Amino acid sequence: MTDDASESMVLHLYIAGMTAAAMHARTNILGICEKHLPGRYSLEVIDLIEKPELAEGRQIIAVPTLVRKNPPLRKIVGDLSNSDKVMSGLEIVPRQA
């Protein structure tokens, strides 16, 4: 993804209840987005305990899973603690300090 300010990244974070891993994933992705995409992202947290039908339809086989909806679609599984891998996977260009 480019660093063009007009682009907005749409993210869905799939979890199964408010587990420690789910909370870490949410905190980690919010930190990355606030640092590198302030005002240029939306994050929807989808709890598969509440909406289990979405898991199969969206091919979610592990949680937490982060999905970038912008083409090309990207999926990252885990607590998103490795910022470099998450940014690379989402094609986020680091902001210059």
N, C-alpha and C. Protein backbone atom coordinates (compact mmCIF):
# COMPACT_ATOMS: atom_id res chain seq x y z
N MET A 1 0.86 -1.19 0.00
CA MET A 1 0.00 0.00 0.00
C MET A 1 0.88 1.23 0.00
N THR A 2 0.50 2.21 -0.69
CA THR A 2 1.29 3.43 -0.75
C THR A 2 1.05 4.27 0.49
N ASP A 3 1.81 5.33 0.62
CA ASP A 3 1.61 6.22 1.75
C ASP A 3 0.70 7.39 1.38
N ASP A 4 -0.05 7.26 0.29
CA ASP A 4 -0.99 8.27 -0.16
C ASP A 4 -2.06 8.50 0.91
N ALA A 5 -2.17 9.74 1.38
CA ALA A 5 -3.08 10.07 2.47
C ALA A 5 -4.55 9.86 2.10
N SER A 6 -4.86 9.80 0.79
CA SER A 6 -6.26 9.64 0.40
C SER A 6 -6.73 8.19 0.50
N GLU A 7 -5.80 7.24 0.61
CA GLU A 7 -6.18 5.84 0.70
C GLU A 7 -6.51 5.47 2.14
N SER A 8 -7.55 4.66 2.31
CA SER A 8 -7.94 4.19 3.62
C SER A 8 -7.89 2.67 3.63
N MET A 9 -7.33 2.11 4.69
CA MET A 9 -7.22 0.66 4.81
C MET A 9 -8.40 0.15 5.64
N VAL A 10 -9.09 -0.85 5.11
CA VAL A 10 -10.21 -1.46 5.80
C VAL A 10 -9.75 -2.80 6.35
N LEU A 11 -9.83 -2.95 7.68
CA LEU A 11 -9.34 -4.14 8.35
C LEU A 11 -10.46 -4.81 9.15
N HIS A 12 -10.48 -6.14 9.12
CA HIS A 12 -11.39 -6.92 9.96
C HIS A 12 -10.53 -7.83 10.81
N LEU A 13 -10.75 -7.79 12.12
CA LEU A 13 -10.04 -8.66 13.05
C LEU A 13 -11.03 -9.69 13.56
N TYR A 14 -10.78 -10.96 13.23
CA TYR A 14 -11.65 -12.05 13.65
C TYR A 14 -11.08 -12.66 14.93
N ILE A 15 -11.94 -12.77 15.93
CA ILE A 15 -11.55 -13.34 17.22
C ILE A 15 -12.61 -14.36 17.64
N ALA A 16 -12.31 -15.10 18.71
CA ALA A 16 -13.30 -16.03 19.28
C ALA A 16 -13.35 -15.75 20.77
N GLY A 17 -14.09 -14.72 21.13
CA GLY A 17 -14.16 -14.29 22.52
C GLY A 17 -13.03 -13.34 22.85
N MET A 18 -13.14 -12.70 24.00
CA MET A 18 -12.13 -11.73 24.42
C MET A 18 -11.01 -12.43 25.18
N THR A 19 -10.27 -13.27 24.47
CA THR A 19 -9.14 -13.97 25.04
C THR A 19 -7.94 -13.03 25.13
N ALA A 20 -6.91 -13.48 25.82
CA ALA A 20 -5.68 -12.69 25.91
C ALA A 20 -5.11 -12.45 24.51
N ALA A 21 -5.10 -13.48 23.67
CA ALA A 21 -4.57 -13.33 22.31
C ALA A 21 -5.40 -12.32 21.51
N ALA A 22 -6.71 -12.36 21.68
CA ALA A 22 -7.58 -11.41 20.97
C ALA A 22 -7.31 -9.98 21.42
N MET A 23 -7.16 -9.79 22.71
CA MET A 23 -6.90 -8.44 23.23
C MET A 23 -5.53 -7.94 22.77
N HIS A 24 -4.52 -8.82 22.76
CA HIS A 24 -3.19 -8.43 22.28
C HIS A 24 -3.24 -8.06 20.81
N ALA A 25 -3.93 -8.87 20.01
CA ALA A 25 -4.03 -8.60 18.58
C ALA A 25 -4.68 -7.24 18.34
N ARG A 26 -5.77 -6.96 19.04
CA ARG A 26 -6.47 -5.68 18.87
C ARG A 26 -5.57 -4.52 19.26
N THR A 27 -4.91 -4.64 20.41
CA THR A 27 -4.01 -3.58 20.87
C THR A 27 -2.86 -3.38 19.89
N ASN A 28 -2.28 -4.48 19.42
CA ASN A 28 -1.14 -4.38 18.52
C ASN A 28 -1.51 -3.74 17.18
N ILE A 29 -2.62 -4.15 16.58
CA ILE A 29 -2.99 -3.57 15.29
C ILE A 29 -3.41 -2.11 15.44
N LEU A 30 -4.07 -1.78 16.54
CA LEU A 30 -4.42 -0.36 16.75
C LEU A 30 -3.16 0.49 16.89
N GLY A 31 -2.16 -0.02 17.60
CA GLY A 31 -0.90 0.71 17.75
C GLY A 31 -0.21 0.94 16.42
N ILE A 32 -0.16 -0.10 15.58
CA ILE A 32 0.46 0.02 14.26
C ILE A 32 -0.30 1.03 13.41
N CYS A 33 -1.62 0.91 13.39
CA CYS A 33 -2.43 1.80 12.56
C CYS A 33 -2.36 3.25 13.03
N GLU A 34 -2.42 3.47 14.34
CA GLU A 34 -2.35 4.84 14.85
C GLU A 34 -1.00 5.49 14.55
N LYS A 35 0.04 4.68 14.55
CA LYS A 35 1.38 5.21 14.27
C LYS A 35 1.60 5.47 12.78
N HIS A 36 1.15 4.54 11.93
CA HIS A 36 1.49 4.61 10.52
C HIS A 36 0.33 4.96 9.59
N LEU A 37 -0.91 4.87 10.08
CA LEU A 37 -2.09 5.18 9.24
C LEU A 37 -3.09 6.05 9.99
N PRO A 38 -2.65 7.05 10.72
CA PRO A 38 -3.63 7.82 11.51
C PRO A 38 -4.71 8.45 10.63
N GLY A 39 -5.96 8.15 10.97
CA GLY A 39 -7.08 8.69 10.23
C GLY A 39 -7.30 8.05 8.87
N ARG A 40 -6.52 7.01 8.55
CA ARG A 40 -6.63 6.39 7.22
C ARG A 40 -6.90 4.89 7.31
N TYR A 41 -7.62 4.49 8.34
CA TYR A 41 -7.96 3.07 8.47
C TYR A 41 -9.27 2.93 9.21
N SER A 42 -9.91 1.78 9.00
CA SER A 42 -11.05 1.40 9.83
C SER A 42 -10.81 -0.03 10.27
N LEU A 43 -11.15 -0.31 11.51
CA LEU A 43 -10.96 -1.64 12.08
C LEU A 43 -12.28 -2.11 12.66
N GLU A 44 -12.73 -3.27 12.18
CA GLU A 44 -13.92 -3.89 12.72
C GLU A 44 -13.50 -5.20 13.39
N VAL A 45 -13.86 -5.35 14.65
CA VAL A 45 -13.57 -6.59 15.37
C VAL A 45 -14.81 -7.47 15.29
N ILE A 46 -14.63 -8.69 14.78
CA ILE A 46 -15.74 -9.61 14.57
C ILE A 46 -15.52 -10.83 15.46
N ASP A 47 -16.42 -11.02 16.41
CA ASP A 47 -16.33 -12.14 17.34
C ASP A 47 -17.07 -13.34 16.75
N LEU A 48 -16.32 -14.39 16.43
CA LEU A 48 -16.92 -15.57 15.81
C LEU A 48 -17.73 -16.40 16.79
N ILE A 49 -17.62 -16.13 18.08
CA ILE A 49 -18.51 -16.76 19.06
C ILE A 49 -19.92 -16.23 18.84
N GLU A 50 -20.03 -14.94 18.55
CA GLU A 50 -21.33 -14.32 18.32
C GLU A 50 -21.85 -14.55 16.91
N LYS A 51 -20.94 -14.68 15.93
CA LYS A 51 -21.33 -14.86 14.53
C LYS A 51 -20.53 -16.00 13.91
N PRO A 52 -20.76 -17.24 14.35
CA PRO A 52 -19.96 -18.37 13.88
C PRO A 52 -20.10 -18.65 12.39
N GLU A 53 -21.20 -18.26 11.80
CA GLU A 53 -21.42 -18.51 10.37
C GLU A 53 -20.42 -17.76 9.49
N LEU A 54 -19.81 -16.71 10.01
CA LEU A 54 -18.86 -15.93 9.22
C LEU A 54 -17.53 -16.65 9.04
N ALA A 55 -17.20 -17.56 9.94
CA ALA A 55 -15.91 -18.26 9.87
C ALA A 55 -15.77 -19.03 8.56
N GLU A 56 -16.74 -19.86 8.24
CA GLU A 56 -16.65 -20.66 7.02
C GLU A 56 -16.79 -19.80 5.77
N GLY A 57 -17.75 -18.91 5.80
CA GLY A 57 -17.99 -18.07 4.63
C GLY A 57 -16.81 -17.18 4.27
N ARG A 58 -16.03 -16.83 5.26
CA ARG A 58 -14.88 -15.95 5.02
C ARG A 58 -13.55 -16.69 5.15
N GLN A 59 -13.63 -18.00 5.23
CA GLN A 59 -12.47 -18.89 5.27
C GLN A 59 -11.50 -18.53 6.39
N ILE A 60 -12.06 -18.35 7.58
CA ILE A 60 -11.26 -18.09 8.78
C ILE A 60 -11.09 -19.42 9.50
N ILE A 61 -9.87 -19.93 9.55
CA ILE A 61 -9.63 -21.24 10.16
C ILE A 61 -8.86 -21.16 11.47
N ALA A 62 -8.38 -19.98 11.83
CA ALA A 62 -7.67 -19.77 13.08
C ALA A 62 -7.95 -18.36 13.56
N VAL A 63 -7.87 -18.16 14.86
CA VAL A 63 -8.07 -16.82 15.42
C VAL A 63 -6.96 -16.53 16.42
N PRO A 64 -6.61 -15.28 16.60
CA PRO A 64 -7.10 -14.13 15.84
C PRO A 64 -6.54 -14.10 14.42
N THR A 65 -7.37 -13.62 13.50
CA THR A 65 -6.97 -13.42 12.11
C THR A 65 -7.32 -12.00 11.71
N LEU A 66 -6.34 -11.31 11.15
CA LEU A 66 -6.55 -9.97 10.63
C LEU A 66 -6.66 -10.06 9.12
N VAL A 67 -7.71 -9.44 8.57
CA VAL A 67 -7.92 -9.44 7.12
C VAL A 67 -7.94 -8.01 6.62
N ARG A 68 -7.09 -7.76 5.63
CA ARG A 68 -7.14 -6.47 4.93
C ARG A 68 -8.10 -6.65 3.77
N LYS A 69 -9.17 -5.87 3.77
CA LYS A 69 -10.21 -5.99 2.76
C LYS A 69 -9.81 -5.32 1.45
N ASN A 70 -8.92 -4.34 1.50
CA ASN A 70 -8.50 -3.66 0.27
C ASN A 70 -7.77 -4.65 -0.63
N PRO A 71 -8.03 -4.59 -1.94
CA PRO A 71 -7.29 -5.47 -2.85
C PRO A 71 -5.80 -5.13 -2.84
N PRO A 72 -4.95 -6.11 -2.93
CA PRO A 72 -5.27 -7.53 -2.84
C PRO A 72 -5.54 -7.91 -1.39
N LEU A 73 -6.49 -8.81 -1.20
CA LEU A 73 -6.85 -9.29 0.13
C LEU A 73 -5.64 -9.90 0.81
N ARG A 74 -5.45 -9.60 2.10
CA ARG A 74 -4.34 -10.16 2.88
C ARG A 74 -4.88 -10.69 4.19
N LYS A 75 -4.31 -11.81 4.68
CA LYS A 75 -4.68 -12.37 5.97
C LYS A 75 -3.42 -12.60 6.79
N ILE A 76 -3.50 -12.24 8.07
CA ILE A 76 -2.41 -12.46 9.00
C ILE A 76 -3.00 -13.12 10.24
N VAL A 77 -2.42 -14.23 10.66
CA VAL A 77 -2.91 -14.98 11.81
C VAL A 77 -1.97 -14.79 12.98
N GLY A 78 -2.53 -14.62 14.17
CA GLY A 78 -1.73 -14.50 15.39
C GLY A 78 -2.04 -13.25 16.15
N ASP A 79 -1.24 -12.97 17.18
CA ASP A 79 -1.51 -11.81 18.04
C ASP A 79 -0.94 -10.51 17.49
N LEU A 80 -0.34 -10.56 16.31
CA LEU A 80 0.14 -9.38 15.58
C LEU A 80 1.25 -8.64 16.35
N SER A 81 2.00 -9.38 17.16
CA SER A 81 3.03 -8.74 17.99
C SER A 81 4.30 -8.39 17.22
N ASN A 82 4.53 -8.99 16.07
CA ASN A 82 5.71 -8.66 15.27
C ASN A 82 5.32 -7.56 14.29
N SER A 83 5.56 -6.32 14.70
CA SER A 83 5.12 -5.16 13.90
C SER A 83 5.69 -5.17 12.50
N ASP A 84 6.96 -5.54 12.35
CA ASP A 84 7.58 -5.55 11.02
C ASP A 84 6.87 -6.52 10.08
N LYS A 85 6.54 -7.71 10.57
CA LYS A 85 5.84 -8.70 9.74
C LYS A 85 4.43 -8.24 9.42
N VAL A 86 3.76 -7.65 10.38
CA VAL A 86 2.40 -7.15 10.14
C VAL A 86 2.43 -6.04 9.09
N MET A 87 3.34 -5.11 9.25
CA MET A 87 3.42 -4.00 8.29
C MET A 87 3.78 -4.51 6.90
N SER A 88 4.69 -5.46 6.82
CA SER A 88 5.06 -6.04 5.53
C SER A 88 3.87 -6.77 4.92
N GLY A 89 3.18 -7.57 5.73
CA GLY A 89 2.03 -8.33 5.25
C GLY A 89 0.90 -7.45 4.76
N LEU A 90 0.72 -6.31 5.40
CA LEU A 90 -0.34 -5.38 5.02
C LEU A 90 0.12 -4.34 4.00
N GLU A 91 1.42 -4.37 3.69
CA GLU A 91 2.03 -3.41 2.78
C GLU A 91 1.89 -1.98 3.27
N ILE A 92 2.16 -1.79 4.56
CA ILE A 92 2.13 -0.45 5.16
C ILE A 92 3.51 0.17 5.03
N VAL A 93 3.55 1.34 4.47
CA VAL A 93 4.81 2.08 4.36
C VAL A 93 5.01 2.83 5.67
N PRO A 94 6.13 2.59 6.38
CA PRO A 94 6.36 3.27 7.66
C PRO A 94 6.37 4.79 7.49
N ARG A 95 5.77 5.45 8.46
CA ARG A 95 5.80 6.91 8.48
C ARG A 95 7.16 7.36 8.93
N GLN A 96 7.65 8.41 8.33
CA GLN A 96 8.94 8.98 8.73
C GLN A 96 8.74 9.86 9.95
N ALA A 97 9.63 9.73 10.92
CA ALA A 97 9.53 10.50 12.17
C ALA A 97 9.89 11.95 11.96
